Amino acid sequence: MSGFSWPARVYWEDTDGGAIVYYANYLRYLERARTEWLRARGHSQQELARDPGILFTVISLSVDYRAPARLDDELQITCEPALEGAASLRFAQRIYRAPGTDGGQLLLEANVRVACVDAHTLRPQRLPRFLTEALAAPGSSHG
């Protein structure tokens, strides 16, 4: 299974007083990459909330910070999704400094578990068929 990669840049509002990315802001990068992974599959979160009426919510997260990202750094955020039961996915995610300055230095590793829920009741829902088929297919491409 190949991974999906999404580029980002560190802006002033992402940083603390020392021009280093504030630790909680890394979660925004991870979220955006998962959203762009879904968009690359041809679906938006807004569309899925309307029809078939589902949302994705983070239910667990572990993060290992390896090195700091700094103001103006170019980043690459990766997603490697895997099925985990009928209603959840697990994403192995990493953030790298883009190749060039530090040769693609690993900055962060995360393991994110996401549940599919009904948009109105917030009760678990089966993952949509397009996701289960794409992730179960051998050699499936993710971006």
Protein backbone atom coordinates (compact mmCIF):
# COMPACT_ATOMS: atom_id res chain seq x y z
CA MET A 1 0.00 0.00 0.00
CA SER A 2 1.54 3.29 -1.05
CA GLY A 3 1.18 6.43 1.05
CA PHE A 4 -0.33 9.84 0.44
CA SER A 5 1.76 12.98 0.87
CA TRP A 6 0.56 16.57 1.24
CA PRO A 7 2.77 19.70 1.32
CA ALA A 8 2.43 22.55 3.82
CA ARG A 9 4.43 25.55 4.95
CA VAL A 10 4.95 26.85 8.49
CA TYR A 11 3.40 30.29 8.96
CA TRP A 12 3.83 32.74 11.81
CA GLU A 13 0.48 31.79 13.38
CA ASP A 14 1.68 28.15 13.62
CA THR A 15 4.60 29.07 15.86
CA ASP A 16 5.32 29.98 19.46
CA GLY A 17 7.37 32.96 20.62
CA GLY A 18 10.58 31.30 19.39
CA ALA A 19 9.36 30.83 15.78
CA ILE A 20 9.07 27.06 16.39
CA VAL A 21 5.82 25.24 15.60
CA TYR A 22 3.67 25.07 18.75
CA TYR A 23 3.19 21.39 19.63
CA ALA A 24 -0.63 21.35 19.31
CA ASN A 25 -0.50 22.88 15.83
CA TYR A 26 1.05 19.71 14.43
CA LEU A 27 -2.39 18.13 14.91
CA ARG A 28 -3.79 20.67 12.41
CA TYR A 29 -1.27 19.53 9.80
CA LEU A 30 -2.21 15.90 10.42
CA GLU A 31 -5.93 16.69 10.12
CA ARG A 32 -5.46 18.64 6.91
CA ALA A 33 -3.46 15.81 5.34
CA ARG A 34 -6.21 13.29 6.20
CA THR A 35 -8.80 15.65 4.70
CA GLU A 36 -6.72 16.06 1.54
CA TRP A 37 -6.26 12.28 1.35
CA LEU A 38 -10.06 11.93 1.35
CA ARG A 39 -10.39 14.72 -1.24
CA ALA A 40 -7.85 12.90 -3.44
CA ARG A 41 -10.26 9.92 -3.33
CA GLY A 42 -12.93 12.25 -4.82
CA HIS A 43 -14.88 13.04 -1.62
CA SER A 44 -15.13 16.04 0.67
CA GLN A 45 -16.03 15.95 4.34
CA GLN A 46 -18.95 18.32 3.65
CA GLU A 47 -20.33 16.10 0.89
CA LEU A 48 -20.14 12.99 3.08
CA ALA A 49 -21.87 14.79 5.95
CA ARG A 50 -24.82 15.47 3.63
CA ASP A 51 -24.98 12.14 1.80
CA PRO A 52 -24.61 9.47 3.16
CA GLY A 53 -24.71 11.49 6.40
CA ILE A 54 -21.41 10.50 8.01
CA LEU A 55 -18.61 12.26 9.83
CA PHE A 56 -15.13 11.16 10.83
CA THR A 57 -13.96 11.79 14.35
CA VAL A 58 -10.61 11.15 16.02
CA ILE A 59 -11.00 8.65 18.84
CA SER A 60 -7.35 8.09 19.75
CA LEU A 61 -4.03 9.65 18.98
CA SER A 62 -0.40 9.05 19.86
CA VAL A 63 2.36 11.41 18.79
CA ASP A 64 6.15 11.20 18.97
CA TYR A 65 7.89 14.52 18.38
CA ARG A 66 11.34 13.97 16.83
CA ALA A 67 12.57 17.47 15.86
CA PRO A 68 11.06 20.96 15.68
CA ALA A 69 9.65 22.62 12.58
CA ARG A 70 10.43 26.32 12.25
CA LEU A 71 8.91 29.40 10.66
CA ASP A 72 8.92 29.18 6.83
CA ASP A 73 9.86 25.48 6.74
CA GLU A 74 8.32 23.50 3.93
CA LEU A 75 6.77 20.30 5.23
CA GLN A 76 5.53 17.02 3.79
CA ILE A 77 2.76 15.33 5.76
CA THR A 78 2.08 11.68 4.98
CA CYS A 79 -0.93 9.41 5.55
CA GLU A 80 -1.00 5.64 5.41
CA PRO A 81 -4.56 4.50 6.17
CA ALA A 82 -5.56 0.99 7.18
CA LEU A 83 -8.95 -0.53 7.89
CA GLU A 84 -9.61 -1.24 11.54
CA GLY A 85 -12.99 -2.86 11.95
CA ALA A 86 -16.23 -1.96 10.20
CA ALA A 87 -16.41 1.62 11.47
CA SER A 88 -12.84 2.84 11.93
CA LEU A 89 -9.54 3.56 10.22
CA ARG A 90 -6.04 3.87 11.58
CA PHE A 91 -3.67 6.37 9.99
CA ALA A 92 0.09 6.11 10.32
CA GLN A 93 1.18 9.70 9.76
CA ARG A 94 4.52 11.44 9.59
CA ILE A 95 5.67 15.00 9.13
CA TYR A 96 8.98 15.65 7.39
CA ARG A 97 10.88 18.81 6.65
CA ALA A 98 10.77 18.93 2.85
CA PRO A 99 13.91 17.68 1.12
CA GLY A 100 16.51 20.35 0.55
CA THR A 101 17.33 21.97 3.88
CA ASP A 102 17.71 18.82 5.99
CA GLY A 103 17.21 16.12 3.39
CA GLY A 104 13.66 15.24 4.43
CA GLN A 105 14.26 15.08 8.19
CA LEU A 106 11.54 13.26 10.16
CA LEU A 107 9.91 15.72 12.58
CA LEU A 108 6.93 13.79 13.93
CA GLU A 109 5.32 10.35 13.90
CA ALA A 110 1.66 9.84 14.78
CA ASN A 111 -0.84 7.04 14.98
CA VAL A 112 -4.40 8.34 14.60
CA ARG A 113 -7.55 6.23 14.98
CA VAL A 114 -10.63 7.69 13.30
CA ALA A 115 -14.23 6.49 13.68
CA CYS A 116 -17.01 6.88 11.15
CA VAL A 117 -20.18 8.17 12.85
CA ASP A 118 -23.71 9.16 11.86
CA ALA A 119 -23.79 12.94 11.31
CA HIS A 120 -26.96 13.33 13.41
CA THR A 121 -26.74 10.75 16.18
CA LEU A 122 -22.92 10.50 16.38
CA ARG A 123 -23.28 6.73 16.70
CA PRO A 124 -20.81 4.48 14.89
CA GLN A 125 -21.58 3.83 11.22
CA ARG A 126 -20.02 1.41 8.77
CA LEU A 127 -17.29 2.94 6.66
CA PRO A 128 -18.51 3.85 3.18
CA ARG A 129 -17.97 1.20 0.51
CA PHE A 130 -15.61 3.38 -1.56
CA LEU A 131 -13.17 3.44 1.38
CA THR A 132 -13.36 -0.22 2.32
CA GLU A 133 -12.96 -1.30 -1.30
CA ALA A 134 -10.05 1.07 -1.94
CA LEU A 135 -8.20 0.09 1.24
CA ALA A 136 -8.85 -3.65 0.85
CA ALA A 137 -7.63 -3.72 -2.77
CA PRO A 138 -4.12 -5.14 -3.15
CA GLY A 139 -1.66 -2.50 -4.38
CA SER A 140 -4.20 0.27 -3.83
CA SER A 141 -2.83 3.75 -4.48
CA HIS A 142 -3.29 6.56 -1.97
CA GLY A 143 -2.03 9.61 -3.79
